[in-house]
């Protein structure tokens, strides 16, 4: 099933596995629908390294892999890779602009298990 995603971004398989359901922005000129998929917390926890970094913030999953090297706090972003990062994300060290930036990395809503 596909949920309609209307933006100027093109999305492509970023897991390297066909049918994975995970997508990432690769071009800002074309619009594609983004597959809707649910992820269990156990599956999110597999994405826990510099080259494959997902975080959970307020029950939403974000693929921040492409941002890891740019993160102003260095490797602190990896402290919660594959895990809930809500508390750290809303910490005093973050400027309010991160609240807008994070939407670029959104994958899916993950209801509490």
PDB file of N, CA and C in Angstrom:
ATOM      1  N   UNK A   1       0.838  -1.167   0.000  1.00  0.00           N
ATOM      2  CA  UNK A   1       0.000   0.000   0.000  1.00  0.00           C
ATOM      3  C   UNK A   1       0.890   1.239   0.000  1.00  0.00           C
ATOM      4  N   UNK A   2       0.464   2.249  -0.719  1.00  0.00           N
ATOM      5  CA  UNK A   2       1.249   3.473  -0.803  1.00  0.00           C
ATOM      6  C   UNK A   2       0.454   4.623  -0.220  1.00  0.00           C
ATOM      7  N   UNK A   3       1.121   5.443   0.521  1.00  0.00           N
ATOM      8  CA  UNK A   3       0.509   6.674   0.996  1.00  0.00           C
ATOM      9  C   UNK A   3       1.000   7.778   0.080  1.00  0.00           C
ATOM     10  N   UNK A   4       0.135   8.684  -0.223  1.00  0.00           N
ATOM     11  CA  UNK A   4       0.512   9.742  -1.142  1.00  0.00           C
ATOM     12  C   UNK A   4       1.449  10.725  -0.468  1.00  0.00           C
ATOM     13  N   UNK A   5       2.564  10.980  -1.087  1.00  0.00           N
ATOM     14  CA  UNK A   5       3.525  11.945  -0.575  1.00  0.00           C
ATOM     15  C   UNK A   5       3.690  13.002  -1.643  1.00  0.00           C
ATOM     16  N   UNK A   6       3.216  14.165  -1.381  1.00  0.00           N
ATOM     17  CA  UNK A   6       3.277  15.228  -2.375  1.00  0.00           C
ATOM     18  C   UNK A   6       4.302  16.257  -1.953  1.00  0.00           C
ATOM     19  N   UNK A   7       5.483  16.093  -2.449  1.00  0.00           N
ATOM     20  CA  UNK A   7       6.536  17.068  -2.213  1.00  0.00           C
ATOM     21  C   UNK A   7       7.355  17.131  -3.481  1.00  0.00           C
ATOM     22  N   UNK A   8       8.371  17.949  -3.481  1.00  0.00           N
ATOM     23  CA  UNK A   8       9.217  18.040  -4.658  1.00  0.00           C
ATOM     24  C   UNK A   8      10.383  17.069  -4.578  1.00  0.00           C
ATOM     25  N   UNK A   9      10.313  16.114  -3.680  1.00  0.00           N
ATOM     26  CA  UNK A   9      11.426  15.182  -3.495  1.00  0.00           C
ATOM     27  C   UNK A   9      11.131  13.835  -4.144  1.00  0.00           C
ATOM     28  N   UNK A  10      12.184  13.194  -4.663  1.00  0.00           N
ATOM     29  CA  UNK A  10      12.078  11.842  -5.189  1.00  0.00           C
ATOM     30  C   UNK A  10      12.636  10.917  -4.130  1.00  0.00           C
ATOM     31  N   UNK A  11      12.005   9.769  -3.969  1.00  0.00           N
ATOM     32  CA  UNK A  11      12.447   8.810  -2.965  1.00  0.00           C
ATOM     33  C   UNK A  11      12.903   7.530  -3.640  1.00  0.00           C
ATOM     34  N   UNK A  12      13.901   6.893  -3.063  1.00  0.00           N
ATOM     35  CA  UNK A  12      14.486   5.690  -3.637  1.00  0.00           C
ATOM     36  C   UNK A  12      14.818   4.714  -2.518  1.00  0.00           C
ATOM     37  N   UNK A  13      14.884   3.414  -2.864  1.00  0.00           N
ATOM     38  CA  UNK A  13      15.230   2.381  -1.886  1.00  0.00           C
ATOM     39  C   UNK A  13      16.597   2.683  -1.309  1.00  0.00           C
ATOM     40  N   UNK A  14      16.694   2.788   0.002  1.00  0.00           N
ATOM     41  CA  UNK A  14      17.980   3.130   0.606  1.00  0.00           C
ATOM     42  C   UNK A  14      18.548   2.011   1.468  1.00  0.00           C
ATOM     43  N   UNK A  15      17.814   0.927   1.593  1.00  0.00           N
ATOM     44  CA  UNK A  15      18.328  -0.193   2.378  1.00  0.00           C
ATOM     45  C   UNK A  15      19.178  -1.118   1.519  1.00  0.00           C
ATOM     46  N   UNK A  16      19.037  -1.009   0.187  1.00  0.00           N
ATOM     47  CA  UNK A  16      19.753  -1.912  -0.688  1.00  0.00           C
ATOM     48  C   UNK A  16      19.054  -3.252  -0.816  1.00  0.00           C
ATOM     49  N   UNK A  17      17.875  -3.361  -0.210  1.00  0.00           N
ATOM     50  CA  UNK A  17      17.113  -4.600  -0.308  1.00  0.00           C
ATOM     51  C   UNK A  17      15.813  -4.293  -1.026  1.00  0.00           C
ATOM     52  N   UNK A  18      15.533  -5.012  -2.106  1.00  0.00           N
ATOM     53  CA  UNK A  18      14.295  -4.821  -2.844  1.00  0.00           C
ATOM     54  C   UNK A  18      13.109  -5.123  -1.941  1.00  0.00           C
ATOM     55  N   UNK A  19      12.131  -4.247  -1.980  1.00  0.00           N
ATOM     56  CA  UNK A  19      10.930  -4.446  -1.194  1.00  0.00           C
ATOM     57  C   UNK A  19      11.074  -4.140   0.283  1.00  0.00           C
ATOM     58  N   UNK A  20      12.143  -3.511   0.650  1.00  0.00           N
ATOM     59  CA  UNK A  20      12.404  -3.203   2.056  1.00  0.00           C
ATOM     60  C   UNK A  20      11.341  -2.257   2.615  1.00  0.00           C
ATOM     61  N   UNK A  21      10.829  -1.348   1.783  1.00  0.00           N
ATOM     62  CA  UNK A  21       9.835  -0.397   2.231  1.00  0.00           C
ATOM     63  C   UNK A  21      10.423   0.884   2.779  1.00  0.00           C
ATOM     64  N   UNK A  22      11.721   0.934   2.985  1.00  0.00           N
ATOM     65  CA  UNK A  22      12.388   2.123   3.500  1.00  0.00           C
ATOM     66  C   UNK A  22      12.880   2.952   2.325  1.00  0.00           C
ATOM     67  N   UNK A  23      12.649   4.236   2.389  1.00  0.00           N
ATOM     68  CA  UNK A  23      13.039   5.111   1.294  1.00  0.00           C
ATOM     69  C   UNK A  23      13.800   6.313   1.818  1.00  0.00           C
ATOM     70  N   UNK A  24      14.499   6.984   0.912  1.00  0.00           N
ATOM     71  CA  UNK A  24      15.171   8.225   1.283  1.00  0.00           C
ATOM     72  C   UNK A  24      15.101   9.201   0.118  1.00  0.00           C
ATOM     73  N   UNK A  25      15.254  10.479   0.416  1.00  0.00           N
ATOM     74  CA  UNK A  25      15.215  11.519  -0.592  1.00  0.00           C
ATOM     75  C   UNK A  25      16.504  11.475  -1.405  1.00  0.00           C
ATOM     76  N   UNK A  26      16.385  11.445  -2.746  1.00  0.00           N
ATOM     77  CA  UNK A  26      17.572  11.420  -3.583  1.00  0.00           C
ATOM     78  C   UNK A  26      17.585  12.529  -4.625  1.00  0.00           C
ATOM     79  N   UNK A  27      16.480  13.193  -4.836  1.00  0.00           N
ATOM     80  CA  UNK A  27      16.406  14.223  -5.863  1.00  0.00           C
ATOM     81  C   UNK A  27      15.274  15.160  -5.481  1.00  0.00           C
ATOM     82  N   UNK A  28      15.428  16.434  -5.716  1.00  0.00           N
ATOM     83  CA  UNK A  28      14.376  17.365  -5.312  1.00  0.00           C
ATOM     84  C   UNK A  28      13.501  17.821  -6.474  1.00  0.00           C
ATOM     85  N   UNK A  29      13.591  17.157  -7.631  1.00  0.00           N
ATOM     86  CA  UNK A  29      12.845  17.610  -8.800  1.00  0.00           C
ATOM     87  C   UNK A  29      11.676  16.717  -9.192  1.00  0.00           C
ATOM     88  N   UNK A  30      11.553  15.531  -8.638  1.00  0.00           N
ATOM     89  CA  UNK A  30      10.544  14.575  -9.051  1.00  0.00           C
ATOM     90  C   UNK A  30       9.738  14.139  -7.835  1.00  0.00           C
ATOM     91  N   UNK A  31       8.448  13.868  -8.024  1.00  0.00           N
ATOM     92  CA  UNK A  31       7.606  13.417  -6.923  1.00  0.00           C
ATOM     93  C   UNK A  31       7.237  11.953  -7.110  1.00  0.00           C
ATOM     94  N   UNK A  32       7.430  11.146  -6.069  1.00  0.00           N
ATOM     95  CA  UNK A  32       7.015   9.746  -6.041  1.00  0.00           C
ATOM     96  C   UNK A  32       6.212   9.513  -4.777  1.00  0.00           C
ATOM     97  N   UNK A  33       5.391   8.488  -4.808  1.00  0.00           N
ATOM     98  CA  UNK A  33       4.702   8.078  -3.596  1.00  0.00           C
ATOM     99  C   UNK A  33       5.674   7.301  -2.730  1.00  0.00           C
ATOM    100  N   UNK A  34       5.582   7.489  -1.438  1.00  0.00           N
ATOM    101  CA  UNK A  34       6.460   6.824  -0.473  1.00  0.00           C
ATOM    102  C   UNK A  34       5.693   5.655   0.140  1.00  0.00           C
ATOM    103  N   UNK A  35       6.242   4.442   0.100  1.00  0.00           N
ATOM    104  CA  UNK A  35       5.528   3.301   0.667  1.00  0.00           C
ATOM    105  C   UNK A  35       5.259   3.493   2.157  1.00  0.00           C
ATOM    106  N   UNK A  36       4.052   3.132   2.567  1.00  0.00           N
ATOM    107  CA  UNK A  36       3.707   3.184   3.985  1.00  0.00           C
ATOM    108  C   UNK A  36       4.056   1.828   4.587  1.00  0.00           C
ATOM    109  N   UNK A  37       4.767   1.820   5.678  1.00  0.00           N
ATOM    110  CA  UNK A  37       5.182   0.576   6.320  1.00  0.00           C
ATOM    111  C   UNK A  37       5.382   0.844   7.798  1.00  0.00           C
ATOM    112  N   UNK A  38       5.054  -0.128   8.592  1.00  0.00           N
ATOM    113  CA  UNK A  38       5.272  -0.036  10.027  1.00  0.00           C
ATOM    114  C   UNK A  38       6.559  -0.776  10.372  1.00  0.00           C
ATOM    115  N   UNK A  39       7.282  -0.290  11.360  1.00  0.00           N
ATOM    116  CA  UNK A  39       8.499  -0.934  11.822  1.00  0.00           C
ATOM    117  C   UNK A  39       8.368  -1.231  13.308  1.00  0.00           C
ATOM    118  N   UNK A  40       8.711  -2.436  13.692  1.00  0.00           N
ATOM    119  CA  UNK A  40       8.767  -2.780  15.113  1.00  0.00           C
ATOM    120  C   UNK A  40      10.036  -2.166  15.691  1.00  0.00           C
ATOM    121  N   UNK A  41      10.012  -1.888  16.990  1.00  0.00           N
ATOM    122  CA  UNK A  41      11.187  -1.299  17.634  1.00  0.00           C
ATOM    123  C   UNK A  41      12.412  -2.190  17.452  1.00  0.00           C
ATOM    124  N   UNK A  42      12.213  -3.493  17.444  1.00  0.00           N
ATOM    125  CA  UNK A  42      13.332  -4.428  17.245  1.00  0.00           C
ATOM    126  C   UNK A  42      13.976  -4.235  15.875  1.00  0.00           C
ATOM    127  N   UNK A  43      13.163  -3.938  14.866  1.00  0.00           N
ATOM    128  CA  UNK A  43      13.711  -3.712  13.525  1.00  0.00           C
ATOM    129  C   UNK A  43      14.452  -2.381  13.458  1.00  0.00           C
ATOM    130  N   UNK A  44      13.906  -1.361  14.083  1.00  0.00           N
ATOM    131  CA  UNK A  44      14.578  -0.059  14.126  1.00  0.00           C
ATOM    132  C   UNK A  44      15.925  -0.197  14.822  1.00  0.00           C
ATOM    133  N   UNK A  45      15.991  -1.029  15.837  1.00  0.00           N
ATOM    134  CA  UNK A  45      17.233  -1.181  16.604  1.00  0.00           C
ATOM    135  C   UNK A  45      18.383  -1.745  15.773  1.00  0.00           C
ATOM    136  N   UNK A  46      18.088  -2.355  14.635  1.00  0.00           N
ATOM    137  CA  UNK A  46      19.136  -2.882  13.752  1.00  0.00           C
ATOM    138  C   UNK A  46      19.879  -1.764  13.018  1.00  0.00           C
ATOM    139  N   UNK A  47      19.284  -0.591  12.959  1.00  0.00           N
ATOM    140  CA  UNK A  47      19.863   0.563  12.252  1.00  0.00           C
ATOM    141  C   UNK A  47      20.598   1.423  13.284  1.00  0.00           C
ATOM    142  N   UNK A  48      21.729   0.918  13.767  1.00  0.00           N
ATOM    143  CA  UNK A  48      22.378   1.507  14.938  1.00  0.00           C
ATOM    144  C   UNK A  48      23.846   1.855  14.735  1.00  0.00           C
ATOM    145  N   UNK A  49      24.203   2.227  13.513  1.00  0.00           N
ATOM    146  CA  UNK A  49      25.608   2.565  13.273  1.00  0.00           C
ATOM    147  C   UNK A  49      25.725   3.804  12.392  1.00  0.00           C
ATOM    148  N   UNK A  50      26.909   4.308  12.295  1.00  0.00           N
ATOM    149  CA  UNK A  50      27.198   5.522  11.533  1.00  0.00           C
ATOM    150  C   UNK A  50      26.688   5.440  10.091  1.00  0.00           C
ATOM    151  N   UNK A  51      26.811   4.290   9.465  1.00  0.00           N
ATOM    152  CA  UNK A  51      26.427   4.126   8.062  1.00  0.00           C
ATOM    153  C   UNK A  51      24.982   3.686   7.887  1.00  0.00           C
ATOM    154  N   UNK A  52      24.249   3.559   8.964  1.00  0.00           N
ATOM    155  CA  UNK A  52      22.845   3.143   8.936  1.00  0.00           C
ATOM    156  C   UNK A  52      22.226   3.540  10.273  1.00  0.00           C
ATOM    157  N   UNK A  53      21.813   4.794  10.376  1.00  0.00           N
ATOM    158  CA  UNK A  53      21.418   5.364  11.664  1.00  0.00           C
ATOM    159  C   UNK A  53      19.966   5.845  11.635  1.00  0.00           C
ATOM    160  N   UNK A  54      19.121   5.123  12.342  1.00  0.00           N
ATOM    161  CA  UNK A  54      17.735   5.526  12.523  1.00  0.00           C
ATOM    162  C   UNK A  54      17.535   5.897  13.984  1.00  0.00           C
ATOM    163  N   UNK A  55      16.651   6.858  14.234  1.00  0.00           N
ATOM    164  CA  UNK A  55      16.290   7.221  15.599  1.00  0.00           C
ATOM    165  C   UNK A  55      14.775   7.335  15.701  1.00  0.00           C
ATOM    166  N   UNK A  56      14.277   7.189  16.905  1.00  0.00           N
ATOM    167  CA  UNK A  56      12.854   7.354  17.190  1.00  0.00           C
ATOM    168  C   UNK A  56      12.702   8.631  18.003  1.00  0.00           C
ATOM    169  N   UNK A  57      11.815   9.508  17.539  1.00  0.00           N
ATOM    170  CA  UNK A  57      11.513  10.743  18.257  1.00  0.00           C
ATOM    171  C   UNK A  57      10.000  10.866  18.323  1.00  0.00           C
ATOM    172  N   UNK A  58       9.467  10.844  19.525  1.00  0.00           N
ATOM    173  CA  UNK A  58       8.015  10.931  19.738  1.00  0.00           C
ATOM    174  C   UNK A  58       7.263   9.928  18.863  1.00  0.00           C
ATOM    175  N   UNK A  59       7.666   8.683  18.905  1.00  0.00           N
ATOM    176  CA  UNK A  59       7.018   7.583  18.188  1.00  0.00           C
ATOM    177  C   UNK A  59       7.081   7.704  16.667  1.00  0.00           C
ATOM    178  N   UNK A  60       7.980   8.508  16.158  1.00  0.00           N
ATOM    179  CA  UNK A  60       8.212   8.594  14.716  1.00  0.00           C
ATOM    180  C   UNK A  60       9.642   8.157  14.441  1.00  0.00           C
ATOM    181  N   UNK A  61       9.829   7.449  13.329  1.00  0.00           N
ATOM    182  CA  UNK A  61      11.147   6.930  12.973  1.00  0.00           C
ATOM    183  C   UNK A  61      11.768   7.835  11.917  1.00  0.00           C
ATOM    184  N   UNK A  62      13.044   8.157  12.121  1.00  0.00           N
ATOM    185  CA  UNK A  62      13.785   9.023  11.209  1.00  0.00           C
ATOM    186  C   UNK A  62      15.093   8.343  10.808  1.00  0.00           C
ATOM    187  N   UNK A  63      15.409   8.381   9.524  1.00  0.00           N
ATOM    188  CA  UNK A  63      16.698   7.884   9.033  1.00  0.00           C
ATOM    189  C   UNK A  63      17.628   9.085   8.943  1.00  0.00           C
ATOM    190  N   UNK A  64      18.528   9.221   9.898  1.00  0.00           N
ATOM    191  CA  UNK A  64      19.432  10.370   9.960  1.00  0.00           C
ATOM    192  C   UNK A  64      20.837  10.023   9.468  1.00  0.00           C
ATOM    193  N   UNK A  65      20.961   8.904   8.762  1.00  0.00           N
ATOM    194  CA  UNK A  65      22.268   8.448   8.279  1.00  0.00           C
ATOM    195  C   UNK A  65      23.009   9.542   7.525  1.00  0.00           C
ATOM    196  N   UNK A  66      22.317  10.218   6.627  1.00  0.00           N
ATOM    197  CA  UNK A  66      22.980  11.238   5.807  1.00  0.00           C
ATOM    198  C   UNK A  66      23.378  12.470   6.616  1.00  0.00           C
ATOM    199  N   UNK A  67      22.881  12.599   7.837  1.00  0.00           N
ATOM    200  CA  UNK A  67      23.170  13.758   8.681  1.00  0.00           C
ATOM    201  C   UNK A  67      24.251  13.488   9.727  1.00  0.00           C
ATOM    202  N   UNK A  68      24.583  12.222   9.948  1.00  0.00           N
ATOM    203  CA  UNK A  68      25.522  11.852  11.015  1.00  0.00           C
ATOM    204  C   UNK A  68      26.824  12.634  10.922  1.00  0.00           C
ATOM    205  N   UNK A  69      27.417  12.706   9.750  1.00  0.00           N
ATOM    206  CA  UNK A  69      28.710  13.389   9.595  1.00  0.00           C
ATOM    207  C   UNK A  69      28.601  14.906   9.745  1.00  0.00           C
ATOM    208  N   UNK A  70      27.394  15.454   9.533  1.00  0.00           N
ATOM    209  CA  UNK A  70      27.184  16.904   9.635  1.00  0.00           C
ATOM    210  C   UNK A  70      26.739  17.337  11.030  1.00  0.00           C
ATOM    211  N   UNK A  71      26.378  16.394  11.870  1.00  0.00           N
ATOM    212  CA  UNK A  71      25.818  16.711  13.184  1.00  0.00           C
ATOM    213  C   UNK A  71      26.786  17.573  13.993  1.00  0.00           C
ATOM    214  N   UNK A  72      26.360  18.779  14.390  1.00  0.00           N
ATOM    215  CA  UNK A  72      27.249  19.679  15.136  1.00  0.00           C
ATOM    216  C   UNK A  72      27.732  19.099  16.467  1.00  0.00           C
ATOM    217  N   UNK A  73      26.990  18.171  17.020  1.00  0.00           N
ATOM    218  CA  UNK A  73      27.377  17.542  18.283  1.00  0.00           C
ATOM    219  C   UNK A  73      28.246  16.314  18.092  1.00  0.00           C
ATOM    220  N   UNK A  74      28.759  16.138  16.876  1.00  0.00           N
ATOM    221  CA  UNK A  74      29.637  15.001  16.599  1.00  0.00           C
ATOM    222  C   UNK A  74      28.928  13.671  16.773  1.00  0.00           C
ATOM    223  N   UNK A  75      29.616  12.741  17.403  1.00  0.00           N
ATOM    224  CA  UNK A  75      29.094  11.387  17.550  1.00  0.00           C
ATOM    225  C   UNK A  75      27.966  11.263  18.567  1.00  0.00           C
ATOM    226  N   UNK A  76      27.590  12.345  19.214  1.00  0.00           N
ATOM    227  CA  UNK A  76      26.485  12.288  20.178  1.00  0.00           C
ATOM    228  C   UNK A  76      25.212  11.769  19.518  1.00  0.00           C
ATOM    229  N   UNK A  77      25.060  12.029  18.241  1.00  0.00           N
ATOM    230  CA  UNK A  77      23.882  11.553  17.512  1.00  0.00           C
ATOM    231  C   UNK A  77      23.823  10.026  17.493  1.00  0.00           C
ATOM    232  N   UNK A  78      24.973   9.387  17.634  1.00  0.00           N
ATOM    233  CA  UNK A  78      25.027   7.924  17.605  1.00  0.00           C
ATOM    234  C   UNK A  78      24.684   7.292  18.959  1.00  0.00           C
ATOM    235  N   UNK A  79      24.621   8.095  20.011  1.00  0.00           N
ATOM    236  CA  UNK A  79      24.317   7.563  21.342  1.00  0.00           C
ATOM    237  C   UNK A  79      22.980   6.835  21.387  1.00  0.00           C
ATOM    238  N   UNK A  80      22.046   7.263  20.550  1.00  0.00           N
ATOM    239  CA  UNK A  80      20.719   6.646  20.533  1.00  0.00           C
ATOM    240  C   UNK A  80      20.381   6.073  19.166  1.00  0.00           C
ATOM    241  N   UNK A  81      21.385   5.753  18.377  1.00  0.00           N
ATOM    242  CA  UNK A  81      21.153   5.149  17.061  1.00  0.00           C
ATOM    243  C   UNK A  81      20.388   3.844  17.238  1.00  0.00           C
ATOM    244  N   UNK A  82      19.303   3.705  16.492  1.00  0.00           N
ATOM    245  CA  UNK A  82      18.479   2.509  16.592  1.00  0.00           C
ATOM    246  C   UNK A  82      17.588   2.484  17.814  1.00  0.00           C
ATOM    247  N   UNK A  83      17.445   3.614  18.479  1.00  0.00           N
ATOM    248  CA  UNK A  83      16.713   3.656  19.747  1.00  0.00           C
ATOM    249  C   UNK A  83      15.939   4.973  19.861  1.00  0.00           C
ATOM    250  N   UNK A  84      15.256   5.147  20.971  1.00  0.00           N
ATOM    251  CA  UNK A  84      14.497   6.366  21.217  1.00  0.00           C
ATOM    252  C   UNK A  84      15.442   7.509  21.572  1.00  0.00           C
ATOM    253  N   UNK A  85      15.331   8.588  20.823  1.00  0.00           N
ATOM    254  CA  UNK A  85      16.189   9.752  21.003  1.00  0.00           C
ATOM    255  C   UNK A  85      15.387  10.989  21.397  1.00  0.00           C
ATOM    256  N   UNK A  86      14.149  10.790  21.826  1.00  0.00           N
ATOM    257  CA  UNK A  86      13.253  11.908  22.122  1.00  0.00           C
ATOM    258  C   UNK A  86      13.846  12.866  23.146  1.00  0.00           C
ATOM    259  N   UNK A  87      14.312  12.342  24.254  1.00  0.00           N
ATOM    260  CA  UNK A  87      14.835  13.203  25.324  1.00  0.00           C
ATOM    261  C   UNK A  87      16.037  14.019  24.849  1.00  0.00           C
ATOM    262  N   UNK A  88      16.960  13.385  24.177  1.00  0.00           N
ATOM    263  CA  UNK A  88      18.137  14.091  23.669  1.00  0.00           C
ATOM    264  C   UNK A  88      17.792  15.108  22.601  1.00  0.00           C
ATOM    265  N   UNK A  89      16.838  14.760  21.746  1.00  0.00           N
ATOM    266  CA  UNK A  89      16.442  15.663  20.663  1.00  0.00           C
ATOM    267  C   UNK A  89      15.862  16.962  21.207  1.00  0.00           C
ATOM    268  N   UNK A  90      15.087  16.877  22.264  1.00  0.00           N
ATOM    269  CA  UNK A  90      14.463  18.067  22.836  1.00  0.00           C
ATOM    270  C   UNK A  90      15.312  18.708  23.931  1.00  0.00           C
ATOM    271  N   UNK A  91      16.570  18.335  24.008  1.00  0.00           N
ATOM    272  CA  UNK A  91      17.483  18.905  24.990  1.00  0.00           C
ATOM    273  C   UNK A  91      17.848  20.345  24.674  1.00  0.00           C
ATOM    274  N   UNK A  92      18.415  21.056  25.643  1.00  0.00           N
ATOM    275  CA  UNK A  92      18.742  22.476  25.490  1.00  0.00           C
ATOM    276  C   UNK A  92      19.860  22.743  24.482  1.00  0.00           C
ATOM    277  N   UNK A  93      20.596  21.723  24.079  1.00  0.00           N
ATOM    278  CA  UNK A  93      21.697  21.909  23.138  1.00  0.00           C
ATOM    279  C   UNK A  93      21.215  22.141  21.705  1.00  0.00           C
ATOM    280  N   UNK A  94      19.962  21.857  21.419  1.00  0.00           N
ATOM    281  CA  UNK A  94      19.465  21.991  20.056  1.00  0.00           C
ATOM    282  C   UNK A  94      18.767  23.327  19.829  1.00  0.00           C
ATOM    283  N   UNK A  95      19.116  23.962  18.733  1.00  0.00           N
ATOM    284  CA  UNK A  95      18.423  25.181  18.310  1.00  0.00           C
ATOM    285  C   UNK A  95      17.048  24.786  17.772  1.00  0.00           C
ATOM    286  N   UNK A  96      16.126  25.724  17.730  1.00  0.00           N
ATOM    287  CA  UNK A  96      14.770  25.412  17.278  1.00  0.00           C
ATOM    288  C   UNK A  96      14.724  24.979  15.816  1.00  0.00           C
ATOM    289  N   UNK A  97      15.728  25.287  15.035  1.00  0.00           N
ATOM    290  CA  UNK A  97      15.719  24.900  13.615  1.00  0.00           C
ATOM    291  C   UNK A  97      15.718  23.387  13.428  1.00  0.00           C
ATOM    292  N   UNK A  98      16.202  22.626  14.420  1.00  0.00           N
ATOM    293  CA  UNK A  98      16.201  21.166  14.286  1.00  0.00           C
ATOM    294  C   UNK A  98      14.782  20.619  14.213  1.00  0.00           C
ATOM    295  N   UNK A  99      13.810  21.335  14.770  1.00  0.00           N
ATOM    296  CA  UNK A  99      12.434  20.874  14.736  1.00  0.00           C
ATOM    297  C   UNK A  99      11.883  20.894  13.317  1.00  0.00           C
ATOM    298  N   UNK A 100      12.367  21.785  12.478  1.00  0.00           N
ATOM    299  CA  UNK A 100      11.980  21.807  11.067  1.00  0.00           C
ATOM    300  C   UNK A 100      12.833  20.839  10.253  1.00  0.00           C
ATOM    301  N   UNK A 101      14.109  20.773  10.547  1.00  0.00           N
ATOM    302  CA  UNK A 101      15.029  19.914   9.796  1.00  0.00           C
ATOM    303  C   UNK A 101      14.675  18.438   9.904  1.00  0.00           C
ATOM    304  N   UNK A 102      14.231  17.988  11.052  1.00  0.00           N
ATOM    305  CA  UNK A 102      14.023  16.561  11.284  1.00  0.00           C
ATOM    306  C   UNK A 102      12.988  15.976  10.332  1.00  0.00           C
ATOM    307  N   UNK A 103      12.044  16.777   9.883  1.00  0.00           N
ATOM    308  CA  UNK A 103      11.017  16.275   8.968  1.00  0.00           C
ATOM    309  C   UNK A 103      11.597  15.744   7.661  1.00  0.00           C
ATOM    310  N   UNK A 104      12.750  16.251   7.260  1.00  0.00           N
ATOM    311  CA  UNK A 104      13.391  15.768   6.035  1.00  0.00           C
ATOM    312  C   UNK A 104      13.845  14.317   6.152  1.00  0.00           C
ATOM    313  N   UNK A 105      13.945  13.803   7.361  1.00  0.00           N
ATOM    314  CA  UNK A 105      14.466  12.458   7.597  1.00  0.00           C
ATOM    315  C   UNK A 105      13.380  11.462   8.024  1.00  0.00           C
ATOM    316  N   UNK A 106      12.143  11.919   8.042  1.00  0.00           N
ATOM    317  CA  UNK A 106      11.021  11.109   8.514  1.00  0.00           C
ATOM    318  C   UNK A 106      10.813   9.871   7.637  1.00  0.00           C
ATOM    319  N   UNK A 107      10.615   8.729   8.303  1.00  0.00           N
ATOM    320  CA  UNK A 107      10.294   7.486   7.599  1.00  0.00           C
ATOM    321  C   UNK A 107       8.838   7.105   7.846  1.00  0.00           C
ATOM    322  N   UNK A 108       8.479   6.912   9.133  1.00  0.00           N
ATOM    323  CA  UNK A 108       7.146   6.397   9.436  1.00  0.00           C
ATOM    324  C   UNK A 108       6.793   6.635  10.906  1.00  0.00           C
ATOM    325  N   UNK A 109       5.504   6.683  11.182  1.00  0.00           N
ATOM    326  CA  UNK A 109       5.011   6.722  12.558  1.00  0.00           C
ATOM    327  C   UNK A 109       5.100   5.314  13.134  1.00  0.00           C
ATOM    328  N   UNK A 110       5.545   5.193  14.360  1.00  0.00           N
ATOM    329  CA  UNK A 110       5.670   3.889  15.001  1.00  0.00           C
ATOM    330  C   UNK A 110       4.892   3.912  16.307  1.00  0.00           C
ATOM    331  N   UNK A 111       3.699   3.308  16.317  1.00  0.00           N
ATOM    332  CA  UNK A 111       2.917   3.334  17.554  1.00  0.00           C
ATOM    333  C   UNK A 111       3.628   2.591  18.672  1.00  0.00           C
ATOM    334  N   UNK A 112       3.347   2.989  19.888  1.00  0.00           N
ATOM    335  CA  UNK A 112       3.938   2.345  21.053  1.00  0.00           C
ATOM    336  C   UNK A 112       3.529   0.882  21.074  1.00  0.00           C
ATOM    337  N   UNK A 113       4.531   0.025  21.316  1.00  0.00           N
ATOM    338  CA  UNK A 113       4.264  -1.419  21.311  1.00  0.00           C
ATOM    339  C   UNK A 113       3.698  -1.866  22.636  1.00  0.00           C
TER     340      UNK A 113
END
